[in-house]
PDB file of all heavy atoms in Angstrom:
ATOM      1  N   CYS A   1     -14.420  57.177  35.239  1.00  0.00           N
ATOM      2  CA  CYS A   1     -15.258  56.060  35.692  1.00  0.00           C
ATOM      3  C   CYS A   1     -16.413  56.521  36.564  1.00  0.00           C
ATOM      4  O   CYS A   1     -16.790  55.844  37.508  1.00  0.00           O
ATOM      5  CB  CYS A   1     -14.394  55.045  36.450  1.00  0.00           C
ATOM      6  SG  CYS A   1     -13.131  54.291  35.405  1.00  0.00           S
ATOM      7  N   SER A   2     -16.975  57.688  36.272  1.00  0.00           N
ATOM      8  CA  SER A   2     -18.103  58.159  37.057  1.00  0.00           C
ATOM      9  C   SER A   2     -19.318  57.292  36.755  1.00  0.00           C
ATOM     10  O   SER A   2     -19.412  56.633  35.709  1.00  0.00           O
ATOM     11  CB  SER A   2     -18.395  59.624  36.733  1.00  0.00           C
ATOM     12  OG  SER A   2     -18.812  59.731  35.398  1.00  0.00           O
ATOM     13  N   SER A   3     -20.270  57.298  37.670  1.00  0.00           N
ATOM     14  CA  SER A   3     -21.453  56.431  37.551  1.00  0.00           C
ATOM     15  C   SER A   3     -22.318  56.807  36.361  1.00  0.00           C
ATOM     16  O   SER A   3     -23.093  55.988  35.868  1.00  0.00           O
ATOM     17  CB  SER A   3     -22.261  56.512  38.843  1.00  0.00           C
ATOM     18  OG  SER A   3     -22.643  57.839  39.099  1.00  0.00           O
ATOM     19  N   THR A   4     -22.212  58.056  35.887  1.00  0.00           N
ATOM     20  CA  THR A   4     -23.073  58.526  34.795  1.00  0.00           C
ATOM     21  C   THR A   4     -22.437  58.368  33.422  1.00  0.00           C
ATOM     22  O   THR A   4     -23.048  58.679  32.413  1.00  0.00           O
ATOM     23  CB  THR A   4     -23.410  60.016  35.013  1.00  0.00           C
ATOM     24  OG1 THR A   4     -22.200  60.757  35.073  1.00  0.00           O
ATOM     25  CG2 THR A   4     -24.183  60.211  36.304  1.00  0.00           C
ATOM     26  N   GLN A   5     -21.218  57.914  33.396  1.00  0.00           N
ATOM     27  CA  GLN A   5     -20.536  57.816  32.107  1.00  0.00           C
ATOM     28  C   GLN A   5     -21.065  56.646  31.299  1.00  0.00           C
ATOM     29  O   GLN A   5     -21.236  55.545  31.819  1.00  0.00           O
ATOM     30  CB  GLN A   5     -19.031  57.656  32.323  1.00  0.00           C
ATOM     31  CG  GLN A   5     -18.250  57.778  31.021  1.00  0.00           C
ATOM     32  CD  GLN A   5     -16.770  57.762  31.281  1.00  0.00           C
ATOM     33  OE1 GLN A   5     -16.324  57.012  32.123  1.00  0.00           O
ATOM     34  NE2 GLN A   5     -16.041  58.596  30.586  1.00  0.00           N
ATOM     35  N   LYS A   6     -21.308  56.869  30.045  1.00  0.00           N
ATOM     36  CA  LYS A   6     -21.873  55.833  29.196  1.00  0.00           C
ATOM     37  C   LYS A   6     -20.816  54.827  28.791  1.00  0.00           C
ATOM     38  O   LYS A   6     -19.642  55.140  28.636  1.00  0.00           O
ATOM     39  CB  LYS A   6     -22.480  56.460  27.948  1.00  0.00           C
ATOM     40  CG  LYS A   6     -23.668  57.361  28.246  1.00  0.00           C
ATOM     41  CD  LYS A   6     -24.210  57.962  26.974  1.00  0.00           C
ATOM     42  CE  LYS A   6     -25.402  58.869  27.264  1.00  0.00           C
ATOM     43  NZ  LYS A   6     -25.931  59.474  26.030  1.00  0.00           N
ATOM     44  N   ALA A   7     -21.231  53.622  28.575  1.00  0.00           N
ATOM     45  CA  ALA A   7     -20.314  52.560  28.155  1.00  0.00           C
ATOM     46  C   ALA A   7     -19.682  52.887  26.813  1.00  0.00           C
ATOM     47  O   ALA A   7     -18.546  52.502  26.526  1.00  0.00           O
ATOM     48  CB  ALA A   7     -21.068  51.233  28.071  1.00  0.00           C
ATOM     49  N   ALA A   8     -20.418  53.674  26.010  1.00  0.00           N
ATOM     50  CA  ALA A   8     -19.901  54.022  24.683  1.00  0.00           C
ATOM     51  C   ALA A   8     -18.619  54.848  24.780  1.00  0.00           C
ATOM     52  O   ALA A   8     -17.720  54.712  23.941  1.00  0.00           O
ATOM     53  CB  ALA A   8     -20.957  54.797  23.909  1.00  0.00           C
ATOM     54  N   VAL A   9     -18.523  55.689  25.810  1.00  0.00           N
ATOM     55  CA  VAL A   9     -17.327  56.511  25.989  1.00  0.00           C
ATOM     56  C   VAL A   9     -16.120  55.623  26.281  1.00  0.00           C
ATOM     57  O   VAL A   9     -15.043  55.797  25.708  1.00  0.00           O
ATOM     58  CB  VAL A   9     -17.534  57.540  27.121  1.00  0.00           C
ATOM     59  CG1 VAL A   9     -16.227  58.218  27.483  1.00  0.00           C
ATOM     60  CG2 VAL A   9     -18.568  58.575  26.698  1.00  0.00           C
ATOM     61  N   LYS A  10     -16.314  54.635  27.153  1.00  0.00           N
ATOM     62  CA  LYS A  10     -15.218  53.716  27.476  1.00  0.00           C
ATOM     63  C   LYS A  10     -14.765  52.960  26.228  1.00  0.00           C
ATOM     64  O   LYS A  10     -13.573  52.763  25.995  1.00  0.00           O
ATOM     65  CB  LYS A  10     -15.664  52.726  28.541  1.00  0.00           C
ATOM     66  CG  LYS A  10     -15.886  53.343  29.919  1.00  0.00           C
ATOM     67  CD  LYS A  10     -16.245  52.254  30.931  1.00  0.00           C
ATOM     68  CE  LYS A  10     -16.498  52.860  32.307  1.00  0.00           C
ATOM     69  NZ  LYS A  10     -16.839  51.828  33.308  1.00  0.00           N
ATOM     70  N   GLU A  11     -15.746  52.549  25.445  1.00  0.00           N
ATOM     71  CA  GLU A  11     -15.427  51.790  24.234  1.00  0.00           C
ATOM     72  C   GLU A  11     -14.637  52.649  23.251  1.00  0.00           C
ATOM     73  O   GLU A  11     -13.682  52.196  22.626  1.00  0.00           O
ATOM     74  CB  GLU A  11     -16.716  51.275  23.587  1.00  0.00           C
ATOM     75  CG  GLU A  11     -16.460  50.349  22.419  1.00  0.00           C
ATOM     76  CD  GLU A  11     -17.747  49.759  21.847  1.00  0.00           C
ATOM     77  OE1 GLU A  11     -18.792  49.809  22.542  1.00  0.00           O
ATOM     78  OE2 GLU A  11     -17.704  49.262  20.717  1.00  0.00           O
ATOM     79  N   GLN A  12     -15.048  53.917  23.137  1.00  0.00           N
ATOM     80  CA  GLN A  12     -14.343  54.819  22.232  1.00  0.00           C
ATOM     81  C   GLN A  12     -12.914  55.115  22.728  1.00  0.00           C
ATOM     82  O   GLN A  12     -11.987  55.216  21.930  1.00  0.00           O
ATOM     83  CB  GLN A  12     -15.126  56.127  22.088  1.00  0.00           C
ATOM     84  CG  GLN A  12     -16.349  55.988  21.184  1.00  0.00           C
ATOM     85  CD  GLN A  12     -17.116  57.292  21.064  1.00  0.00           C
ATOM     86  OE1 GLN A  12     -17.328  57.988  22.048  1.00  0.00           O
ATOM     87  NE2 GLN A  12     -17.527  57.616  19.858  1.00  0.00           N
ATOM     88  N   MET A  13     -12.761  55.255  24.041  1.00  0.00           N
ATOM     89  CA  MET A  13     -11.419  55.455  24.588  1.00  0.00           C
ATOM     90  C   MET A  13     -10.531  54.258  24.245  1.00  0.00           C
ATOM     91  O   MET A  13      -9.362  54.416  23.883  1.00  0.00           O
ATOM     92  CB  MET A  13     -11.486  55.648  26.099  1.00  0.00           C
ATOM     93  CG  MET A  13     -12.062  56.990  26.536  1.00  0.00           C
ATOM     94  SD  MET A  13     -10.978  58.392  26.191  1.00  0.00           S
ATOM     95  CE  MET A  13      -9.715  58.181  27.435  1.00  0.00           C
ATOM     96  N   TYR A  14     -11.097  53.088  24.350  1.00  0.00           N
ATOM     97  CA  TYR A  14     -10.345  51.869  24.013  1.00  0.00           C
ATOM     98  C   TYR A  14      -9.975  51.875  22.530  1.00  0.00           C
ATOM     99  O   TYR A  14      -8.827  51.605  22.155  1.00  0.00           O
ATOM    100  CB  TYR A  14     -11.182  50.639  24.347  1.00  0.00           C
ATOM    101  CG  TYR A  14     -10.482  49.339  24.019  1.00  0.00           C
ATOM    102  CD1 TYR A  14      -9.661  48.715  24.954  1.00  0.00           C
ATOM    103  CD2 TYR A  14     -10.636  48.743  22.763  1.00  0.00           C
ATOM    104  CE1 TYR A  14      -9.010  47.520  24.638  1.00  0.00           C
ATOM    105  CE2 TYR A  14      -9.986  47.566  22.440  1.00  0.00           C
ATOM    106  CZ  TYR A  14      -9.168  46.959  23.383  1.00  0.00           C
ATOM    107  OH  TYR A  14      -8.513  45.794  23.070  1.00  0.00           O
ATOM    108  N   ASP A  15     -10.950  52.210  21.683  1.00  0.00           N
ATOM    109  CA  ASP A  15     -10.702  52.242  20.238  1.00  0.00           C
ATOM    110  C   ASP A  15      -9.606  53.264  19.905  1.00  0.00           C
ATOM    111  O   ASP A  15      -8.741  53.006  19.062  1.00  0.00           O
ATOM    112  CB  ASP A  15     -11.982  52.601  19.484  1.00  0.00           C
ATOM    113  CG  ASP A  15     -13.033  51.494  19.570  1.00  0.00           C
ATOM    114  OD1 ASP A  15     -12.653  50.347  19.903  1.00  0.00           O
ATOM    115  OD2 ASP A  15     -14.218  51.795  19.321  1.00  0.00           O
ATOM    116  N   GLY A  16      -9.653  54.408  20.569  1.00  0.00           N
ATOM    117  CA  GLY A  16      -8.642  55.436  20.329  1.00  0.00           C
ATOM    118  C   GLY A  16      -7.259  54.971  20.733  1.00  0.00           C
ATOM    119  O   GLY A  16      -6.259  55.243  20.047  1.00  0.00           O
ATOM    120  N   ALA A  17      -7.194  54.242  21.862  1.00  0.00           N
ATOM    121  CA  ALA A  17      -5.915  53.721  22.338  1.00  0.00           C
ATOM    122  C   ALA A  17      -5.331  52.728  21.344  1.00  0.00           C
ATOM    123  O   ALA A  17      -4.130  52.726  21.067  1.00  0.00           O
ATOM    124  CB  ALA A  17      -6.090  53.074  23.700  1.00  0.00           C
ATOM    125  N   VAL A  18      -6.184  51.871  20.794  1.00  0.00           N
ATOM    126  CA  VAL A  18      -5.731  50.886  19.812  1.00  0.00           C
ATOM    127  C   VAL A  18      -5.185  51.591  18.571  1.00  0.00           C
ATOM    128  O   VAL A  18      -4.124  51.224  18.036  1.00  0.00           O
ATOM    129  CB  VAL A  18      -6.886  49.930  19.425  1.00  0.00           C
ATOM    130  CG1 VAL A  18      -6.482  49.046  18.248  1.00  0.00           C
ATOM    131  CG2 VAL A  18      -7.274  49.073  20.620  1.00  0.00           C
ATOM    132  N   LEU A  19      -5.887  52.608  18.098  1.00  0.00           N
ATOM    133  CA  LEU A  19      -5.429  53.363  16.927  1.00  0.00           C
ATOM    134  C   LEU A  19      -4.096  54.054  17.207  1.00  0.00           C
ATOM    135  O   LEU A  19      -3.192  54.061  16.360  1.00  0.00           O
ATOM    136  CB  LEU A  19      -6.486  54.396  16.530  1.00  0.00           C
ATOM    137  CG  LEU A  19      -7.758  53.846  15.898  1.00  0.00           C
ATOM    138  CD1 LEU A  19      -8.847  54.911  15.838  1.00  0.00           C
ATOM    139  CD2 LEU A  19      -7.454  53.309  14.494  1.00  0.00           C
ATOM    140  N   PHE A  20      -3.971  54.636  18.403  1.00  0.00           N
ATOM    141  CA  PHE A  20      -2.716  55.303  18.755  1.00  0.00           C
ATOM    142  C   PHE A  20      -1.559  54.302  18.758  1.00  0.00           C
ATOM    143  O   PHE A  20      -0.496  54.550  18.203  1.00  0.00           O
ATOM    144  CB  PHE A  20      -2.824  55.983  20.120  1.00  0.00           C
ATOM    145  CG  PHE A  20      -1.582  56.726  20.529  1.00  0.00           C
ATOM    146  CD1 PHE A  20      -1.449  58.077  20.258  1.00  0.00           C
ATOM    147  CD2 PHE A  20      -0.534  56.068  21.177  1.00  0.00           C
ATOM    148  CE1 PHE A  20      -0.300  58.760  20.627  1.00  0.00           C
ATOM    149  CE2 PHE A  20       0.614  56.745  21.548  1.00  0.00           C
ATOM    150  CZ  PHE A  20       0.735  58.096  21.268  1.00  0.00           C
ATOM    151  N   ASN A  21      -1.778  53.181  19.401  1.00  0.00           N
ATOM    152  CA  ASN A  21      -0.717  52.172  19.496  1.00  0.00           C
ATOM    153  C   ASN A  21      -0.376  51.578  18.127  1.00  0.00           C
ATOM    154  O   ASN A  21       0.704  51.028  17.946  1.00  0.00           O
ATOM    155  CB  ASN A  21      -1.126  51.061  20.459  1.00  0.00           C
ATOM    156  CG  ASN A  21      -1.161  51.551  21.900  1.00  0.00           C
ATOM    157  OD1 ASN A  21      -0.401  52.433  22.282  1.00  0.00           O
ATOM    158  ND2 ASN A  21      -2.048  50.989  22.701  1.00  0.00           N
ATOM    159  N   SER A  22      -1.299  51.734  17.170  1.00  0.00           N
ATOM    160  CA  SER A  22      -1.044  51.292  15.793  1.00  0.00           C
ATOM    161  C   SER A  22      -0.458  52.439  14.963  1.00  0.00           C
ATOM    162  O   SER A  22      -0.329  52.312  13.742  1.00  0.00           O
ATOM    163  CB  SER A  22      -2.340  50.796  15.144  1.00  0.00           C
ATOM    164  OG  SER A  22      -2.891  49.716  15.870  1.00  0.00           O
ATOM    165  N   GLN A  23      -0.134  53.552  15.631  1.00  0.00           N
ATOM    166  CA  GLN A  23       0.459  54.740  15.009  1.00  0.00           C
ATOM    167  C   GLN A  23      -0.486  55.405  14.002  1.00  0.00           C
ATOM    168  O   GLN A  23      -0.054  56.121  13.106  1.00  0.00           O
ATOM    169  CB  GLN A  23       1.792  54.407  14.341  1.00  0.00           C
ATOM    170  CG  GLN A  23       2.835  53.871  15.334  1.00  0.00           C
ATOM    171  CD  GLN A  23       4.184  53.611  14.699  1.00  0.00           C
ATOM    172  OE1 GLN A  23       4.415  53.936  13.540  1.00  0.00           O
ATOM    173  NE2 GLN A  23       5.080  53.027  15.468  1.00  0.00           N
ATOM    174  N   LYS A  24      -1.783  55.186  14.176  1.00  0.00           N
ATOM    175  CA  LYS A  24      -2.778  55.866  13.349  1.00  0.00           C
ATOM    176  C   LYS A  24      -3.289  57.081  14.129  1.00  0.00           C
ATOM    177  O   LYS A  24      -4.406  57.108  14.641  1.00  0.00           O
ATOM    178  CB  LYS A  24      -3.916  54.903  13.007  1.00  0.00           C
ATOM    179  CG  LYS A  24      -3.454  53.702  12.176  1.00  0.00           C
ATOM    180  CD  LYS A  24      -4.614  52.745  11.893  1.00  0.00           C
ATOM    181  CE  LYS A  24      -4.136  51.556  11.056  1.00  0.00           C
ATOM    182  NZ  LYS A  24      -5.238  50.593  10.779  1.00  0.00           N
ATOM    183  N   TYR A  25      -2.421  58.087  14.193  1.00  0.00           N
ATOM    184  CA  TYR A  25      -2.670  59.202  15.104  1.00  0.00           C
ATOM    185  C   TYR A  25      -3.836  60.089  14.668  1.00  0.00           C
ATOM    186  O   TYR A  25      -4.608  60.556  15.513  1.00  0.00           O
ATOM    187  CB  TYR A  25      -1.393  60.035  15.241  1.00  0.00           C
ATOM    188  CG  TYR A  25      -0.203  59.208  15.666  1.00  0.00           C
ATOM    189  CD1 TYR A  25       0.923  59.110  14.863  1.00  0.00           C
ATOM    190  CD2 TYR A  25      -0.220  58.502  16.865  1.00  0.00           C
ATOM    191  CE1 TYR A  25       2.015  58.345  15.231  1.00  0.00           C
ATOM    192  CE2 TYR A  25       0.869  57.720  17.255  1.00  0.00           C
ATOM    193  CZ  TYR A  25       1.982  57.646  16.440  1.00  0.00           C
ATOM    194  OH  TYR A  25       3.049  56.873  16.807  1.00  0.00           O
ATOM    195  N   THR A  26      -3.969  60.324  13.368  1.00  0.00           N
ATOM    196  CA  THR A  26      -5.073  61.164  12.880  1.00  0.00           C
ATOM    197  C   THR A  26      -6.420  60.515  13.195  1.00  0.00           C
ATOM    198  O   THR A  26      -7.363  61.186  13.662  1.00  0.00           O
ATOM    199  CB  THR A  26      -4.944  61.402  11.368  1.00  0.00           C
ATOM    200  OG1 THR A  26      -3.683  62.021  11.097  1.00  0.00           O
ATOM    201  CG2 THR A  26      -6.061  62.304  10.871  1.00  0.00           C
ATOM    202  N   GLU A  27      -6.498  59.203  12.982  1.00  0.00           N
ATOM    203  CA  GLU A  27      -7.738  58.489  13.284  1.00  0.00           C
ATOM    204  C   GLU A  27      -8.006  58.468  14.785  1.00  0.00           C
ATOM    205  O   GLU A  27      -9.156  58.598  15.235  1.00  0.00           O
ATOM    206  CB  GLU A  27      -7.660  57.053  12.749  1.00  0.00           C
ATOM    207  CG  GLU A  27      -7.662  56.947  11.230  1.00  0.00           C
ATOM    208  CD  GLU A  27      -6.258  57.000  10.651  1.00  0.00           C
ATOM    209  OE1 GLU A  27      -5.346  57.563  11.314  1.00  0.00           O
ATOM    210  OE2 GLU A  27      -6.065  56.494   9.525  1.00  0.00           O
ATOM    211  N   ALA A  28      -6.943  58.321  15.571  1.00  0.00           N
ATOM    212  CA  ALA A  28      -7.100  58.326  17.027  1.00  0.00           C
ATOM    213  C   ALA A  28      -7.655  59.667  17.512  1.00  0.00           C
ATOM    214  O   ALA A  28      -8.531  59.709  18.385  1.00  0.00           O
ATOM    215  CB  ALA A  28      -5.749  58.048  17.701  1.00  0.00           C
ATOM    216  N   ILE A  29      -7.167  60.753  16.931  1.00  0.00           N
ATOM    217  CA  ILE A  29      -7.646  62.089  17.317  1.00  0.00           C
ATOM    218  C   ILE A  29      -9.152  62.207  17.094  1.00  0.00           C
ATOM    219  O   ILE A  29      -9.890  62.716  17.946  1.00  0.00           O
ATOM    220  CB  ILE A  29      -6.887  63.177  16.534  1.00  0.00           C
ATOM    221  CG1 ILE A  29      -5.441  63.280  17.033  1.00  0.00           C
ATOM    222  CG2 ILE A  29      -7.593  64.537  16.663  1.00  0.00           C
ATOM    223  CD1 ILE A  29      -4.542  64.141  16.170  1.00  0.00           C
ATOM    224  N   LYS A  30      -9.619  61.722  15.959  1.00  0.00           N
ATOM    225  CA  LYS A  30     -11.048  61.818  15.647  1.00  0.00           C
ATOM    226  C   LYS A  30     -11.889  61.071  16.684  1.00  0.00           C
ATOM    227  O   LYS A  30     -12.961  61.541  17.093  1.00  0.00           O
ATOM    228  CB  LYS A  30     -11.312  61.258  14.256  1.00  0.00           C
ATOM    229  CG  LYS A  30     -10.740  62.125  13.134  1.00  0.00           C
ATOM    230  CD  LYS A  30     -10.986  61.485  11.774  1.00  0.00           C
ATOM    231  CE  LYS A  30     -10.384  62.355  10.662  1.00  0.00           C
ATOM    232  NZ  LYS A  30     -10.553  61.701   9.335  1.00  0.00           N
ATOM    233  N   VAL A  31     -11.380  59.916  17.129  1.00  0.00           N
ATOM    234  CA  VAL A  31     -12.118  59.132  18.120  1.00  0.00           C
ATOM    235  C   VAL A  31     -12.164  59.869  19.452  1.00  0.00           C
ATOM    236  O   VAL A  31     -13.215  59.972  20.099  1.00  0.00           O
ATOM    237  CB  VAL A  31     -11.478  57.738  18.286  1.00  0.00           C
ATOM    238  CG1 VAL A  31     -12.134  56.997  19.455  1.00  0.00           C
ATOM    239  CG2 VAL A  31     -11.622  56.927  16.995  1.00  0.00           C
ATOM    240  N   PHE A  32     -11.012  60.405  19.880  1.00  0.00           N
ATOM    241  CA  PHE A  32     -10.962  61.099  21.166  1.00  0.00           C
ATOM    242  C   PHE A  32     -11.765  62.407  21.142  1.00  0.00           C
ATOM    243  O   PHE A  32     -12.311  62.824  22.163  1.00  0.00           O
ATOM    244  CB  PHE A  32      -9.515  61.379  21.571  1.00  0.00           C
ATOM    245  CG  PHE A  32      -8.742  60.132  21.919  1.00  0.00           C
ATOM    246  CD1 PHE A  32      -7.532  59.849  21.305  1.00  0.00           C
ATOM    247  CD2 PHE A  32      -9.231  59.232  22.862  1.00  0.00           C
ATOM    248  CE1 PHE A  32      -6.816  58.706  21.622  1.00  0.00           C
ATOM    249  CE2 PHE A  32      -8.530  58.085  23.186  1.00  0.00           C
ATOM    250  CZ  PHE A  32      -7.318  57.809  22.565  1.00  0.00           C
ATOM    251  N   GLU A  33     -11.855  63.026  19.964  1.00  0.00           N
ATOM    252  CA  GLU A  33     -12.690  64.228  19.846  1.00  0.00           C
ATOM    253  C   GLU A  33     -14.163  63.881  20.069  1.00  0.00           C
ATOM    254  O   GLU A  33     -14.913  64.662  20.676  1.00  0.00           O
ATOM    255  CB  GLU A  33     -12.487  64.876  18.478  1.00  0.00           C
ATOM    256  CG  GLU A  33     -11.166  65.641  18.364  1.00  0.00           C
ATOM    257  CD  GLU A  33     -10.939  66.219  16.981  1.00  0.00           C
ATOM    258  OE1 GLU A  33     -11.550  65.709  16.011  1.00  0.00           O
ATOM    259  OE2 GLU A  33     -10.147  67.169  16.870  1.00  0.00           O
ATOM    260  N   LYS A  34     -14.579  62.716  19.594  1.00  0.00           N
ATOM    261  CA  LYS A  34     -15.958  62.276  19.823  1.00  0.00           C
ATOM    262  C   LYS A  34     -16.216  62.025  21.304  1.00  0.00           C
ATOM    263  O   LYS A  34     -17.300  62.283  21.822  1.00  0.00           O
ATOM    264  CB  LYS A  34     -16.244  61.014  19.015  1.00  0.00           C
ATOM    265  CG  LYS A  34     -16.327  61.253  17.505  1.00  0.00           C
ATOM    266  CD  LYS A  34     -16.583  59.957  16.762  1.00  0.00           C
ATOM    267  CE  LYS A  34     -16.653  60.195  15.259  1.00  0.00           C
ATOM    268  NZ  LYS A  34     -16.860  58.922  14.506  1.00  0.00           N
ATOM    269  N   VAL A  35     -15.156  61.515  21.996  1.00  0.00           N
ATOM    270  CA  VAL A  35     -15.279  61.321  23.444  1.00  0.00           C
ATOM    271  C   VAL A  35     -15.506  62.658  24.131  1.00  0.00           C
ATOM    272  O   VAL A  35     -16.368  62.788  25.018  1.00  0.00           O
ATOM    273  CB  VAL A  35     -14.018  60.634  24.016  1.00  0.00           C
ATOM    274  CG1 VAL A  35     -14.073  60.614  25.536  1.00  0.00           C
ATOM    275  CG2 VAL A  35     -13.882  59.226  23.465  1.00  0.00           C
ATOM    276  N   LEU A  36     -14.745  63.682  23.725  1.00  0.00           N
ATOM    277  CA  LEU A  36     -14.891  65.005  24.331  1.00  0.00           C
ATOM    278  C   LEU A  36     -16.258  65.614  24.061  1.00  0.00           C
ATOM    279  O   LEU A  36     -16.789  66.370  24.884  1.00  0.00           O
ATOM    280  CB  LEU A  36     -13.784  65.946  23.830  1.00  0.00           C
ATOM    281  CG  LEU A  36     -12.431  65.850  24.531  1.00  0.00           C
ATOM    282  CD1 LEU A  36     -11.432  66.827  23.910  1.00  0.00           C
ATOM    283  CD2 LEU A  36     -12.556  66.132  26.022  1.00  0.00           C
ATOM    284  N   GLU A  37     -16.823  65.309  22.908  1.00  0.00           N
ATOM    285  CA  GLU A  37     -18.171  65.809  22.607  1.00  0.00           C
ATOM    286  C   GLU A  37     -19.176  65.238  23.598  1.00  0.00           C
ATOM    287  O   GLU A  37     -20.083  65.931  24.064  1.00  0.00           O
ATOM    288  CB  GLU A  37     -18.564  65.429  21.176  1.00  0.00           C
ATOM    289  CG  GLU A  37     -17.812  66.216  20.105  1.00  0.00           C
ATOM    290  CD  GLU A  37     -18.145  65.733  18.701  1.00  0.00           C
ATOM    291  OE1 GLU A  37     -19.101  64.920  18.564  1.00  0.00           O
ATOM    292  OE2 GLU A  37     -17.460  66.151  17.755  1.00  0.00           O
TER     293      GLU A  37
END
């Protein structure tokens, strides 16, 4: 939650969490990798 973090990163983290909780682990990994980029 740093002041410089883009809203897009938060949104992607949320999307990744939803995919994980839906047991779509491969898709979740791809989303979190984009966050790391």
